[in-house]
């Protein structure tokens, strides 16, 4: 990652290709029915990680992700709910996970209680 004289981040061709490929993966998951949220979350985290390492500000990453959602989904309550979750995943990946096992398969109350030793 290099900065030009205007302070903008200069990215390698490989970094740009990786980001483009990850956006394509996110778009493909969004186009599937039903949406595989686990696959989407992993793709979002990967995309955010690549963009963060390239020095892209979080607001721009969120804008890019929400644009992908807006392009693939009709304006419904489901789209808004998914947008909120994607923004949360973005913030978690960019600034560090907020705790817990986000990919846990068993999220039942009993599993949570036993994990807490209750």
PDB file of N, CA and C in Angstrom:
ATOM      1  N   UNK A   1       0.852  -1.166   0.000  1.00  0.00           N
ATOM      2  CA  UNK A   1       0.000   0.000   0.000  1.00  0.00           C
ATOM      3  C   UNK A   1       0.900   1.231   0.000  1.00  0.00           C
ATOM      4  N   UNK A   2       0.723   2.089  -0.970  1.00  0.00           N
ATOM      5  CA  UNK A   2       1.483   3.327  -1.087  1.00  0.00           C
ATOM      6  C   UNK A   2       0.526   4.492  -1.208  1.00  0.00           C
ATOM      7  N   UNK A   3       0.970   5.640  -0.771  1.00  0.00           N
ATOM      8  CA  UNK A   3       0.174   6.851  -0.928  1.00  0.00           C
ATOM      9  C   UNK A   3       0.774   7.685  -2.039  1.00  0.00           C
ATOM     10  N   UNK A   4      -0.094   8.297  -2.849  1.00  0.00           N
ATOM     11  CA  UNK A   4       0.422   9.226  -3.840  1.00  0.00           C
ATOM     12  C   UNK A   4       0.541  10.596  -3.190  1.00  0.00           C
ATOM     13  N   UNK A   5       0.950  11.591  -3.921  1.00  0.00           N
ATOM     14  CA  UNK A   5       1.196  12.904  -3.309  1.00  0.00           C
ATOM     15  C   UNK A   5      -0.078  13.584  -2.823  1.00  0.00           C
ATOM     16  N   UNK A   6      -1.245  13.123  -3.271  1.00  0.00           N
ATOM     17  CA  UNK A   6      -2.523  13.661  -2.790  1.00  0.00           C
ATOM     18  C   UNK A   6      -3.008  12.959  -1.533  1.00  0.00           C
ATOM     19  N   UNK A   7      -2.259  11.950  -1.065  1.00  0.00           N
ATOM     20  CA  UNK A   7      -2.654  11.219   0.131  1.00  0.00           C
ATOM     21  C   UNK A   7      -3.562  10.036  -0.153  1.00  0.00           C
ATOM     22  N   UNK A   8      -3.949   9.836  -1.406  1.00  0.00           N
ATOM     23  CA  UNK A   8      -4.810   8.707  -1.750  1.00  0.00           C
ATOM     24  C   UNK A   8      -3.991   7.416  -1.718  1.00  0.00           C
ATOM     25  N   UNK A   9      -4.633   6.328  -1.340  1.00  0.00           N
ATOM     26  CA  UNK A   9      -3.964   5.045  -1.274  1.00  0.00           C
ATOM     27  C   UNK A   9      -3.875   4.460  -2.671  1.00  0.00           C
ATOM     28  N   UNK A  10      -2.654   4.055  -3.046  1.00  0.00           N
ATOM     29  CA  UNK A  10      -2.448   3.371  -4.311  1.00  0.00           C
ATOM     30  C   UNK A  10      -2.445   1.878  -4.038  1.00  0.00           C
ATOM     31  N   UNK A  11      -3.274   1.145  -4.751  1.00  0.00           N
ATOM     32  CA  UNK A  11      -3.418  -0.283  -4.513  1.00  0.00           C
ATOM     33  C   UNK A  11      -2.827  -1.067  -5.663  1.00  0.00           C
ATOM     34  N   UNK A  12      -2.344  -2.253  -5.335  1.00  0.00           N
ATOM     35  CA  UNK A  12      -1.792  -3.120  -6.371  1.00  0.00           C
ATOM     36  C   UNK A  12      -2.927  -3.688  -7.220  1.00  0.00           C
ATOM     37  N   UNK A  13      -2.566  -4.163  -8.387  1.00  0.00           N
ATOM     38  CA  UNK A  13      -3.542  -4.793  -9.277  1.00  0.00           C
ATOM     39  C   UNK A  13      -4.151  -6.010  -8.585  1.00  0.00           C
ATOM     40  N   UNK A  14      -3.327  -6.739  -7.845  1.00  0.00           N
ATOM     41  CA  UNK A  14      -3.806  -7.928  -7.140  1.00  0.00           C
ATOM     42  C   UNK A  14      -4.839  -7.554  -6.071  1.00  0.00           C
ATOM     43  N   UNK A  15      -4.556  -6.486  -5.315  1.00  0.00           N
ATOM     44  CA  UNK A  15      -5.509  -6.039  -4.286  1.00  0.00           C
ATOM     45  C   UNK A  15      -6.840  -5.630  -4.913  1.00  0.00           C
ATOM     46  N   UNK A  16      -6.769  -4.910  -6.006  1.00  0.00           N
ATOM     47  CA  UNK A  16      -7.996  -4.485  -6.683  1.00  0.00           C
ATOM     48  C   UNK A  16      -8.765  -5.681  -7.222  1.00  0.00           C
ATOM     49  N   UNK A  17      -8.040  -6.673  -7.762  1.00  0.00           N
ATOM     50  CA  UNK A  17      -8.694  -7.881  -8.274  1.00  0.00           C
ATOM     51  C   UNK A  17      -9.346  -8.669  -7.139  1.00  0.00           C
ATOM     52  N   UNK A  18      -8.652  -8.765  -5.992  1.00  0.00           N
ATOM     53  CA  UNK A  18      -9.228  -9.459  -4.838  1.00  0.00           C
ATOM     54  C   UNK A  18     -10.521  -8.785  -4.389  1.00  0.00           C
ATOM     55  N   UNK A  19     -10.502  -7.471  -4.290  1.00  0.00           N
ATOM     56  CA  UNK A  19     -11.699  -6.738  -3.860  1.00  0.00           C
ATOM     57  C   UNK A  19     -12.837  -6.945  -4.856  1.00  0.00           C
ATOM     58  N   UNK A  20     -12.514  -6.919  -6.146  1.00  0.00           N
ATOM     59  CA  UNK A  20     -13.546  -7.129  -7.176  1.00  0.00           C
ATOM     60  C   UNK A  20     -14.122  -8.544  -7.079  1.00  0.00           C
ATOM     61  N   UNK A  21     -13.251  -9.536  -6.887  1.00  0.00           N
ATOM     62  CA  UNK A  21     -13.713 -10.920  -6.754  1.00  0.00           C
ATOM     63  C   UNK A  21     -14.611 -11.088  -5.527  1.00  0.00           C
ATOM     64  N   UNK A  22     -14.227 -10.462  -4.424  1.00  0.00           N
ATOM     65  CA  UNK A  22     -15.035 -10.576  -3.209  1.00  0.00           C
ATOM     66  C   UNK A  22     -16.380  -9.873  -3.361  1.00  0.00           C
ATOM     67  N   UNK A  23     -16.412  -8.752  -4.058  1.00  0.00           N
ATOM     68  CA  UNK A  23     -17.706  -8.102  -4.335  1.00  0.00           C
ATOM     69  C   UNK A  23     -18.577  -9.017  -5.186  1.00  0.00           C
ATOM     70  N   UNK A  24     -17.965  -9.739  -6.130  1.00  0.00           N
ATOM     71  CA  UNK A  24     -18.725 -10.672  -6.970  1.00  0.00           C
ATOM     72  C   UNK A  24     -19.291 -11.822  -6.134  1.00  0.00           C
ATOM     73  N   UNK A  25     -18.515 -12.306  -5.168  1.00  0.00           N
ATOM     74  CA  UNK A  25     -19.001 -13.366  -4.283  1.00  0.00           C
ATOM     75  C   UNK A  25     -20.187 -12.862  -3.468  1.00  0.00           C
ATOM     76  N   UNK A  26     -20.055 -11.658  -2.917  1.00  0.00           N
ATOM     77  CA  UNK A  26     -21.151 -11.079  -2.135  1.00  0.00           C
ATOM     78  C   UNK A  26     -22.396 -10.936  -3.009  1.00  0.00           C
ATOM     79  N   UNK A  27     -22.233 -10.449  -4.215  1.00  0.00           N
ATOM     80  CA  UNK A  27     -23.366 -10.293  -5.133  1.00  0.00           C
ATOM     81  C   UNK A  27     -24.023 -11.629  -5.439  1.00  0.00           C
ATOM     82  N   UNK A  28     -23.212 -12.668  -5.642  1.00  0.00           N
ATOM     83  CA  UNK A  28     -23.757 -13.996  -5.940  1.00  0.00           C
ATOM     84  C   UNK A  28     -24.550 -14.544  -4.755  1.00  0.00           C
ATOM     85  N   UNK A  29     -24.040 -14.364  -3.550  1.00  0.00           N
ATOM     86  CA  UNK A  29     -24.770 -14.830  -2.364  1.00  0.00           C
ATOM     87  C   UNK A  29     -26.075 -14.057  -2.221  1.00  0.00           C
ATOM     88  N   UNK A  30     -26.032 -12.748  -2.461  1.00  0.00           N
ATOM     89  CA  UNK A  30     -27.252 -11.935  -2.362  1.00  0.00           C
ATOM     90  C   UNK A  30     -28.286 -12.330  -3.409  1.00  0.00           C
ATOM     91  N   UNK A  31     -27.829 -12.827  -4.556  1.00  0.00           N
ATOM     92  CA  UNK A  31     -28.751 -13.207  -5.632  1.00  0.00           C
ATOM     93  C   UNK A  31     -29.375 -14.579  -5.400  1.00  0.00           C
ATOM     94  N   UNK A  32     -28.820 -15.354  -4.465  1.00  0.00           N
ATOM     95  CA  UNK A  32     -29.357 -16.690  -4.215  1.00  0.00           C
ATOM     96  C   UNK A  32     -30.600 -16.597  -3.336  1.00  0.00           C
ATOM     97  N   UNK A  33     -31.441 -17.616  -3.459  1.00  0.00           N
ATOM     98  CA  UNK A  33     -32.651 -17.660  -2.626  1.00  0.00           C
ATOM     99  C   UNK A  33     -32.774 -19.056  -2.056  1.00  0.00           C
ATOM    100  N   UNK A  34     -32.835 -19.196  -0.767  1.00  0.00           N
ATOM    101  CA  UNK A  34     -32.683 -18.140   0.232  1.00  0.00           C
ATOM    102  C   UNK A  34     -31.213 -17.753   0.365  1.00  0.00           C
ATOM    103  N   UNK A  35     -30.989 -16.604   0.948  1.00  0.00           N
ATOM    104  CA  UNK A  35     -29.630 -16.112   1.143  1.00  0.00           C
ATOM    105  C   UNK A  35     -28.961 -16.917   2.251  1.00  0.00           C
ATOM    106  N   UNK A  36     -27.783 -17.418   1.961  1.00  0.00           N
ATOM    107  CA  UNK A  36     -26.986 -18.141   2.955  1.00  0.00           C
ATOM    108  C   UNK A  36     -26.234 -17.095   3.781  1.00  0.00           C
ATOM    109  N   UNK A  37     -26.788 -16.766   4.960  1.00  0.00           N
ATOM    110  CA  UNK A  37     -26.207 -15.690   5.768  1.00  0.00           C
ATOM    111  C   UNK A  37     -24.801 -16.013   6.251  1.00  0.00           C
ATOM    112  N   UNK A  38     -24.528 -17.259   6.506  1.00  0.00           N
ATOM    113  CA  UNK A  38     -23.178 -17.632   6.939  1.00  0.00           C
ATOM    114  C   UNK A  38     -22.174 -17.354   5.826  1.00  0.00           C
ATOM    115  N   UNK A  39     -22.504 -17.743   4.593  1.00  0.00           N
ATOM    116  CA  UNK A  39     -21.621 -17.480   3.458  1.00  0.00           C
ATOM    117  C   UNK A  39     -21.491 -15.978   3.221  1.00  0.00           C
ATOM    118  N   UNK A  40     -22.593 -15.262   3.376  1.00  0.00           N
ATOM    119  CA  UNK A  40     -22.568 -13.813   3.190  1.00  0.00           C
ATOM    120  C   UNK A  40     -21.680 -13.157   4.241  1.00  0.00           C
ATOM    121  N   UNK A  41     -21.824 -13.567   5.483  1.00  0.00           N
ATOM    122  CA  UNK A  41     -21.011 -12.996   6.561  1.00  0.00           C
ATOM    123  C   UNK A  41     -19.530 -13.238   6.311  1.00  0.00           C
ATOM    124  N   UNK A  42     -19.173 -14.447   5.915  1.00  0.00           N
ATOM    125  CA  UNK A  42     -17.765 -14.751   5.631  1.00  0.00           C
ATOM    126  C   UNK A  42     -17.244 -13.914   4.468  1.00  0.00           C
ATOM    127  N   UNK A  43     -18.056 -13.753   3.424  1.00  0.00           N
ATOM    128  CA  UNK A  43     -17.645 -12.938   2.277  1.00  0.00           C
ATOM    129  C   UNK A  43     -17.491 -11.472   2.665  1.00  0.00           C
ATOM    130  N   UNK A  44     -18.413 -10.973   3.494  1.00  0.00           N
ATOM    131  CA  UNK A  44     -18.326  -9.582   3.964  1.00  0.00           C
ATOM    132  C   UNK A  44     -17.063  -9.397   4.781  1.00  0.00           C
ATOM    133  N   UNK A  45     -16.799 -10.320   5.714  1.00  0.00           N
ATOM    134  CA  UNK A  45     -15.596 -10.203   6.542  1.00  0.00           C
ATOM    135  C   UNK A  45     -14.338 -10.222   5.678  1.00  0.00           C
ATOM    136  N   UNK A  46     -14.304 -11.100   4.679  1.00  0.00           N
ATOM    137  CA  UNK A  46     -13.130 -11.169   3.801  1.00  0.00           C
ATOM    138  C   UNK A  46     -12.957  -9.862   3.036  1.00  0.00           C
ATOM    139  N   UNK A  47     -14.049  -9.351   2.484  1.00  0.00           N
ATOM    140  CA  UNK A  47     -14.000  -8.094   1.738  1.00  0.00           C
ATOM    141  C   UNK A  47     -13.534  -6.946   2.625  1.00  0.00           C
ATOM    142  N   UNK A  48     -14.105  -6.856   3.822  1.00  0.00           N
ATOM    143  CA  UNK A  48     -13.748  -5.773   4.739  1.00  0.00           C
ATOM    144  C   UNK A  48     -12.274  -5.882   5.133  1.00  0.00           C
ATOM    145  N   UNK A  49     -11.787  -7.088   5.363  1.00  0.00           N
ATOM    146  CA  UNK A  49     -10.384  -7.274   5.720  1.00  0.00           C
ATOM    147  C   UNK A  49      -9.453  -6.794   4.623  1.00  0.00           C
ATOM    148  N   UNK A  50      -9.761  -7.132   3.388  1.00  0.00           N
ATOM    149  CA  UNK A  50      -8.946  -6.684   2.251  1.00  0.00           C
ATOM    150  C   UNK A  50      -8.978  -5.164   2.148  1.00  0.00           C
ATOM    151  N   UNK A  51     -10.151  -4.589   2.273  1.00  0.00           N
ATOM    152  CA  UNK A  51     -10.281  -3.139   2.158  1.00  0.00           C
ATOM    153  C   UNK A  51      -9.597  -2.412   3.325  1.00  0.00           C
ATOM    154  N   UNK A  52      -9.736  -2.951   4.534  1.00  0.00           N
ATOM    155  CA  UNK A  52      -9.096  -2.335   5.710  1.00  0.00           C
ATOM    156  C   UNK A  52      -7.583  -2.339   5.551  1.00  0.00           C
ATOM    157  N   UNK A  53      -7.022  -3.474   5.140  1.00  0.00           N
ATOM    158  CA  UNK A  53      -5.568  -3.557   4.952  1.00  0.00           C
ATOM    159  C   UNK A  53      -5.089  -2.607   3.873  1.00  0.00           C
ATOM    160  N   UNK A  54      -5.975  -2.268   2.937  1.00  0.00           N
ATOM    161  CA  UNK A  54      -5.620  -1.324   1.877  1.00  0.00           C
ATOM    162  C   UNK A  54      -5.797   0.126   2.320  1.00  0.00           C
ATOM    163  N   UNK A  55      -6.299   0.323   3.532  1.00  0.00           N
ATOM    164  CA  UNK A  55      -6.458   1.673   4.054  1.00  0.00           C
ATOM    165  C   UNK A  55      -7.741   2.369   3.646  1.00  0.00           C
ATOM    166  N   UNK A  56      -8.719   1.591   3.174  1.00  0.00           N
ATOM    167  CA  UNK A  56     -10.001   2.170   2.783  1.00  0.00           C
ATOM    168  C   UNK A  56     -10.777   2.518   4.052  1.00  0.00           C
ATOM    169  N   UNK A  57     -11.317   3.737   4.149  1.00  0.00           N
ATOM    170  CA  UNK A  57     -12.069   4.129   5.351  1.00  0.00           C
ATOM    171  C   UNK A  57     -13.348   3.300   5.512  1.00  0.00           C
ATOM    172  N   UNK A  58     -13.747   3.047   6.768  1.00  0.00           N
ATOM    173  CA  UNK A  58     -14.929   2.215   7.007  1.00  0.00           C
ATOM    174  C   UNK A  58     -16.205   2.767   6.366  1.00  0.00           C
ATOM    175  N   UNK A  59     -16.365   4.076   6.328  1.00  0.00           N
ATOM    176  CA  UNK A  59     -17.582   4.645   5.714  1.00  0.00           C
ATOM    177  C   UNK A  59     -17.680   4.272   4.239  1.00  0.00           C
ATOM    178  N   UNK A  60     -16.552   4.265   3.541  1.00  0.00           N
ATOM    179  CA  UNK A  60     -16.560   3.909   2.118  1.00  0.00           C
ATOM    180  C   UNK A  60     -16.852   2.420   1.940  1.00  0.00           C
ATOM    181  N   UNK A  61     -16.316   1.598   2.821  1.00  0.00           N
ATOM    182  CA  UNK A  61     -16.594   0.157   2.749  1.00  0.00           C
ATOM    183  C   UNK A  61     -18.082  -0.097   2.968  1.00  0.00           C
ATOM    184  N   UNK A  62     -18.670   0.566   3.964  1.00  0.00           N
ATOM    185  CA  UNK A  62     -20.102   0.406   4.229  1.00  0.00           C
ATOM    186  C   UNK A  62     -20.916   0.865   3.025  1.00  0.00           C
ATOM    187  N   UNK A  63     -20.520   1.965   2.412  1.00  0.00           N
ATOM    188  CA  UNK A  63     -21.219   2.455   1.222  1.00  0.00           C
ATOM    189  C   UNK A  63     -21.164   1.430   0.102  1.00  0.00           C
ATOM    190  N   UNK A  64     -20.007   0.836  -0.103  1.00  0.00           N
ATOM    191  CA  UNK A  64     -19.868  -0.183  -1.165  1.00  0.00           C
ATOM    192  C   UNK A  64     -20.735  -1.397  -0.869  1.00  0.00           C
ATOM    193  N   UNK A  65     -20.752  -1.835   0.392  1.00  0.00           N
ATOM    194  CA  UNK A  65     -21.563  -3.003   0.747  1.00  0.00           C
ATOM    195  C   UNK A  65     -23.051  -2.719   0.616  1.00  0.00           C
ATOM    196  N   UNK A  66     -23.495  -1.573   1.089  1.00  0.00           N
ATOM    197  CA  UNK A  66     -24.923  -1.261   0.993  1.00  0.00           C
ATOM    198  C   UNK A  66     -25.344  -1.084  -0.458  1.00  0.00           C
ATOM    199  N   UNK A  67     -24.460  -0.606  -1.300  1.00  0.00           N
ATOM    200  CA  UNK A  67     -24.775  -0.498  -2.735  1.00  0.00           C
ATOM    201  C   UNK A  67     -24.985  -1.881  -3.345  1.00  0.00           C
ATOM    202  N   UNK A  68     -24.163  -2.852  -2.935  1.00  0.00           N
ATOM    203  CA  UNK A  68     -24.340  -4.216  -3.432  1.00  0.00           C
ATOM    204  C   UNK A  68     -25.701  -4.768  -3.021  1.00  0.00           C
ATOM    205  N   UNK A  69     -26.089  -4.509  -1.778  1.00  0.00           N
ATOM    206  CA  UNK A  69     -27.391  -4.984  -1.298  1.00  0.00           C
ATOM    207  C   UNK A  69     -28.511  -4.289  -2.063  1.00  0.00           C
ATOM    208  N   UNK A  70     -28.416  -2.989  -2.215  1.00  0.00           N
ATOM    209  CA  UNK A  70     -29.448  -2.225  -2.924  1.00  0.00           C
ATOM    210  C   UNK A  70     -29.597  -2.687  -4.370  1.00  0.00           C
ATOM    211  N   UNK A  71     -28.484  -3.079  -4.998  1.00  0.00           N
ATOM    212  CA  UNK A  71     -28.526  -3.533  -6.391  1.00  0.00           C
ATOM    213  C   UNK A  71     -29.182  -4.897  -6.545  1.00  0.00           C
ATOM    214  N   UNK A  72     -29.109  -5.728  -5.504  1.00  0.00           N
ATOM    215  CA  UNK A  72     -29.582  -7.110  -5.611  1.00  0.00           C
ATOM    216  C   UNK A  72     -30.946  -7.365  -4.992  1.00  0.00           C
ATOM    217  N   UNK A  73     -31.402  -6.480  -4.113  1.00  0.00           N
ATOM    218  CA  UNK A  73     -32.639  -6.760  -3.391  1.00  0.00           C
ATOM    219  C   UNK A  73     -33.651  -5.634  -3.566  1.00  0.00           C
ATOM    220  N   UNK A  74     -34.902  -6.024  -3.656  1.00  0.00           N
ATOM    221  CA  UNK A  74     -35.982  -5.039  -3.741  1.00  0.00           C
ATOM    222  C   UNK A  74     -36.092  -4.294  -2.421  1.00  0.00           C
ATOM    223  N   UNK A  75     -36.609  -3.078  -2.459  1.00  0.00           N
ATOM    224  CA  UNK A  75     -36.732  -2.302  -1.217  1.00  0.00           C
ATOM    225  C   UNK A  75     -37.830  -2.873  -0.311  1.00  0.00           C
ATOM    226  N   UNK A  76     -37.405  -3.709   0.610  1.00  0.00           N
ATOM    227  CA  UNK A  76     -38.343  -4.330   1.547  1.00  0.00           C
ATOM    228  C   UNK A  76     -37.759  -4.278   2.951  1.00  0.00           C
ATOM    229  N   UNK A  77     -38.574  -4.690   3.901  1.00  0.00           N
ATOM    230  CA  UNK A  77     -38.105  -4.763   5.284  1.00  0.00           C
ATOM    231  C   UNK A  77     -36.961  -5.765   5.398  1.00  0.00           C
ATOM    232  N   UNK A  78     -37.004  -6.835   4.597  1.00  0.00           N
ATOM    233  CA  UNK A  78     -35.929  -7.829   4.619  1.00  0.00           C
ATOM    234  C   UNK A  78     -34.599  -7.198   4.190  1.00  0.00           C
ATOM    235  N   UNK A  79     -34.634  -6.360   3.181  1.00  0.00           N
ATOM    236  CA  UNK A  79     -33.419  -5.690   2.707  1.00  0.00           C
ATOM    237  C   UNK A  79     -32.855  -4.796   3.799  1.00  0.00           C
ATOM    238  N   UNK A  80     -33.724  -4.041   4.468  1.00  0.00           N
ATOM    239  CA  UNK A  80     -33.266  -3.151   5.533  1.00  0.00           C
ATOM    240  C   UNK A  80     -32.668  -3.940   6.693  1.00  0.00           C
ATOM    241  N   UNK A  81     -33.288  -5.044   7.050  1.00  0.00           N
ATOM    242  CA  UNK A  81     -32.785  -5.889   8.128  1.00  0.00           C
ATOM    243  C   UNK A  81     -31.421  -6.474   7.759  1.00  0.00           C
ATOM    244  N   UNK A  82     -31.299  -6.947   6.531  1.00  0.00           N
ATOM    245  CA  UNK A  82     -30.030  -7.503   6.070  1.00  0.00           C
ATOM    246  C   UNK A  82     -28.952  -6.418   6.016  1.00  0.00           C
ATOM    247  N   UNK A  83     -29.321  -5.229   5.581  1.00  0.00           N
ATOM    248  CA  UNK A  83     -28.367  -4.119   5.538  1.00  0.00           C
ATOM    249  C   UNK A  83     -27.822  -3.829   6.929  1.00  0.00           C
ATOM    250  N   UNK A  84     -28.682  -3.828   7.916  1.00  0.00           N
ATOM    251  CA  UNK A  84     -28.228  -3.584   9.302  1.00  0.00           C
ATOM    252  C   UNK A  84     -27.225  -4.640   9.749  1.00  0.00           C
ATOM    253  N   UNK A  85     -27.530  -5.910   9.448  1.00  0.00           N
ATOM    254  CA  UNK A  85     -26.618  -6.991   9.841  1.00  0.00           C
ATOM    255  C   UNK A  85     -25.283  -6.876   9.113  1.00  0.00           C
ATOM    256  N   UNK A  86     -25.314  -6.560   7.822  1.00  0.00           N
ATOM    257  CA  UNK A  86     -24.080  -6.427   7.055  1.00  0.00           C
ATOM    258  C   UNK A  86     -23.227  -5.280   7.595  1.00  0.00           C
ATOM    259  N   UNK A  87     -23.856  -4.180   7.959  1.00  0.00           N
ATOM    260  CA  UNK A  87     -23.103  -3.059   8.543  1.00  0.00           C
ATOM    261  C   UNK A  87     -22.476  -3.488   9.864  1.00  0.00           C
ATOM    262  N   UNK A  88     -23.197  -4.245  10.687  1.00  0.00           N
ATOM    263  CA  UNK A  88     -22.640  -4.743  11.939  1.00  0.00           C
ATOM    264  C   UNK A  88     -21.433  -5.637  11.674  1.00  0.00           C
ATOM    265  N   UNK A  89     -21.559  -6.556  10.703  1.00  0.00           N
ATOM    266  CA  UNK A  89     -20.437  -7.437  10.374  1.00  0.00           C
ATOM    267  C   UNK A  89     -19.237  -6.626   9.893  1.00  0.00           C
ATOM    268  N   UNK A  90     -19.516  -5.589   9.130  1.00  0.00           N
ATOM    269  CA  UNK A  90     -18.455  -4.713   8.625  1.00  0.00           C
ATOM    270  C   UNK A  90     -17.717  -4.056   9.789  1.00  0.00           C
ATOM    271  N   UNK A  91     -18.466  -3.494  10.714  1.00  0.00           N
ATOM    272  CA  UNK A  91     -17.859  -2.818  11.868  1.00  0.00           C
ATOM    273  C   UNK A  91     -17.077  -3.820  12.715  1.00  0.00           C
ATOM    274  N   UNK A  92     -17.646  -5.011  12.932  1.00  0.00           N
ATOM    275  CA  UNK A  92     -16.949  -6.044  13.695  1.00  0.00           C
ATOM    276  C   UNK A  92     -15.607  -6.393  13.070  1.00  0.00           C
ATOM    277  N   UNK A  93     -15.593  -6.596  11.770  1.00  0.00           N
ATOM    278  CA  UNK A  93     -14.354  -6.987  11.086  1.00  0.00           C
ATOM    279  C   UNK A  93     -13.365  -5.839  11.015  1.00  0.00           C
ATOM    280  N   UNK A  94     -13.844  -4.654  10.751  1.00  0.00           N
ATOM    281  CA  UNK A  94     -12.940  -3.506  10.589  1.00  0.00           C
ATOM    282  C   UNK A  94     -12.262  -3.143  11.911  1.00  0.00           C
ATOM    283  N   UNK A  95     -13.029  -3.140  12.988  1.00  0.00           N
ATOM    284  CA  UNK A  95     -12.508  -2.668  14.271  1.00  0.00           C
ATOM    285  C   UNK A  95     -12.189  -3.798  15.243  1.00  0.00           C
ATOM    286  N   UNK A  96     -12.482  -5.035  14.868  1.00  0.00           N
ATOM    287  CA  UNK A  96     -12.252  -6.174  15.748  1.00  0.00           C
ATOM    288  C   UNK A  96     -13.564  -6.732  16.227  1.00  0.00           C
ATOM    289  N   UNK A  97     -13.617  -8.038  16.343  1.00  0.00           N
ATOM    290  CA  UNK A  97     -14.857  -8.701  16.745  1.00  0.00           C
ATOM    291  C   UNK A  97     -15.277  -8.256  18.132  1.00  0.00           C
ATOM    292  N   UNK A  98     -16.564  -8.162  18.324  1.00  0.00           N
ATOM    293  CA  UNK A  98     -17.114  -7.663  19.574  1.00  0.00           C
ATOM    294  C   UNK A  98     -17.225  -8.744  20.637  1.00  0.00           C
ATOM    295  N   UNK A  99     -16.815  -9.959  20.304  1.00  0.00           N
ATOM    296  CA  UNK A  99     -16.842 -11.047  21.278  1.00  0.00           C
ATOM    297  C   UNK A  99     -17.814 -12.125  20.870  1.00  0.00           C
ATOM    298  N   UNK A 100     -17.630 -13.305  21.428  1.00  0.00           N
ATOM    299  CA  UNK A 100     -18.514 -14.421  21.128  1.00  0.00           C
ATOM    300  C   UNK A 100     -18.113 -15.123  19.847  1.00  0.00           C
ATOM    301  N   UNK A 101     -18.773 -16.220  19.580  1.00  0.00           N
ATOM    302  CA  UNK A 101     -18.533 -17.002  18.381  1.00  0.00           C
ATOM    303  C   UNK A 101     -19.623 -16.667  17.379  1.00  0.00           C
ATOM    304  N   UNK A 102     -19.342 -15.743  16.481  1.00  0.00           N
ATOM    305  CA  UNK A 102     -20.333 -15.269  15.529  1.00  0.00           C
ATOM    306  C   UNK A 102     -20.759 -16.348  14.556  1.00  0.00           C
ATOM    307  N   UNK A 103     -19.943 -17.383  14.383  1.00  0.00           N
ATOM    308  CA  UNK A 103     -20.280 -18.455  13.454  1.00  0.00           C
ATOM    309  C   UNK A 103     -20.826 -19.690  14.166  1.00  0.00           C
ATOM    310  N   UNK A 104     -21.181 -19.545  15.430  1.00  0.00           N
ATOM    311  CA  UNK A 104     -21.704 -20.674  16.197  1.00  0.00           C
ATOM    312  C   UNK A 104     -22.941 -21.233  15.521  1.00  0.00           C
ATOM    313  N   UNK A 105     -22.979 -22.537  15.427  1.00  0.00           N
ATOM    314  CA  UNK A 105     -24.117 -23.186  14.771  1.00  0.00           C
ATOM    315  C   UNK A 105     -25.299 -23.280  15.720  1.00  0.00           C
ATOM    316  N   UNK A 106     -25.040 -23.620  16.982  1.00  0.00           N
ATOM    317  CA  UNK A 106     -26.118 -23.807  17.946  1.00  0.00           C
ATOM    318  C   UNK A 106     -26.295 -22.527  18.757  1.00  0.00           C
ATOM    319  N   UNK A 107     -27.336 -21.775  18.442  1.00  0.00           N
ATOM    320  CA  UNK A 107     -27.574 -20.522  19.156  1.00  0.00           C
ATOM    321  C   UNK A 107     -28.810 -20.615  20.045  1.00  0.00           C
ATOM    322  N   UNK A 108     -29.167 -21.858  20.430  1.00  0.00           N
ATOM    323  CA  UNK A 108     -30.326 -22.037  21.295  1.00  0.00           C
ATOM    324  C   UNK A 108     -30.034 -21.490  22.686  1.00  0.00           C
ATOM    325  N   UNK A 109     -31.076 -21.116  23.447  1.00  0.00           N
ATOM    326  CA  UNK A 109     -30.870 -20.586  24.800  1.00  0.00           C
ATOM    327  C   UNK A 109     -30.100 -21.552  25.701  1.00  0.00           C
ATOM    328  N   UNK A 110     -30.343 -22.885  25.578  1.00  0.00           N
ATOM    329  CA  UNK A 110     -29.641 -23.863  26.408  1.00  0.00           C
ATOM    330  C   UNK A 110     -28.152 -23.878  26.104  1.00  0.00           C
ATOM    331  N   UNK A 111     -27.790 -23.736  24.826  1.00  0.00           N
ATOM    332  CA  UNK A 111     -26.389 -23.714  24.447  1.00  0.00           C
ATOM    333  C   UNK A 111     -25.718 -22.472  25.013  1.00  0.00           C
ATOM    334  N   UNK A 112     -26.417 -21.354  24.975  1.00  0.00           N
ATOM    335  CA  UNK A 112     -25.880 -20.111  25.518  1.00  0.00           C
ATOM    336  C   UNK A 112     -25.690 -20.219  27.019  1.00  0.00           C
ATOM    337  N   UNK A 113     -26.676 -20.785  27.715  1.00  0.00           N
ATOM    338  CA  UNK A 113     -26.601 -20.938  29.162  1.00  0.00           C
ATOM    339  C   UNK A 113     -25.454 -21.862  29.555  1.00  0.00           C
ATOM    340  N   UNK A 114     -25.285 -22.982  28.829  1.00  0.00           N
ATOM    341  CA  UNK A 114     -24.211 -23.901  29.174  1.00  0.00           C
ATOM    342  C   UNK A 114     -22.851 -23.295  28.864  1.00  0.00           C
ATOM    343  N   UNK A 115     -22.752 -22.475  27.821  1.00  0.00           N
ATOM    344  CA  UNK A 115     -21.489 -21.805  27.502  1.00  0.00           C
ATOM    345  C   UNK A 115     -21.121 -20.804  28.583  1.00  0.00           C
ATOM    346  N   UNK A 116     -22.130 -20.247  29.243  1.00  0.00           N
ATOM    347  CA  UNK A 116     -21.884 -19.290  30.309  1.00  0.00           C
ATOM    348  C   UNK A 116     -21.714 -19.969  31.664  1.00  0.00           C
ATOM    349  N   UNK A 117     -21.859 -21.303  31.685  1.00  0.00           N
ATOM    350  CA  UNK A 117     -21.701 -22.044  32.926  1.00  0.00           C
ATOM    351  C   UNK A 117     -22.907 -21.948  33.834  1.00  0.00           C
ATOM    352  N   UNK A 118     -24.072 -21.683  33.263  1.00  0.00           N
ATOM    353  CA  UNK A 118     -25.299 -21.527  34.055  1.00  0.00           C
ATOM    354  C   UNK A 118     -26.023 -22.850  34.116  1.00  0.00           C
TER     355      UNK A 118
END
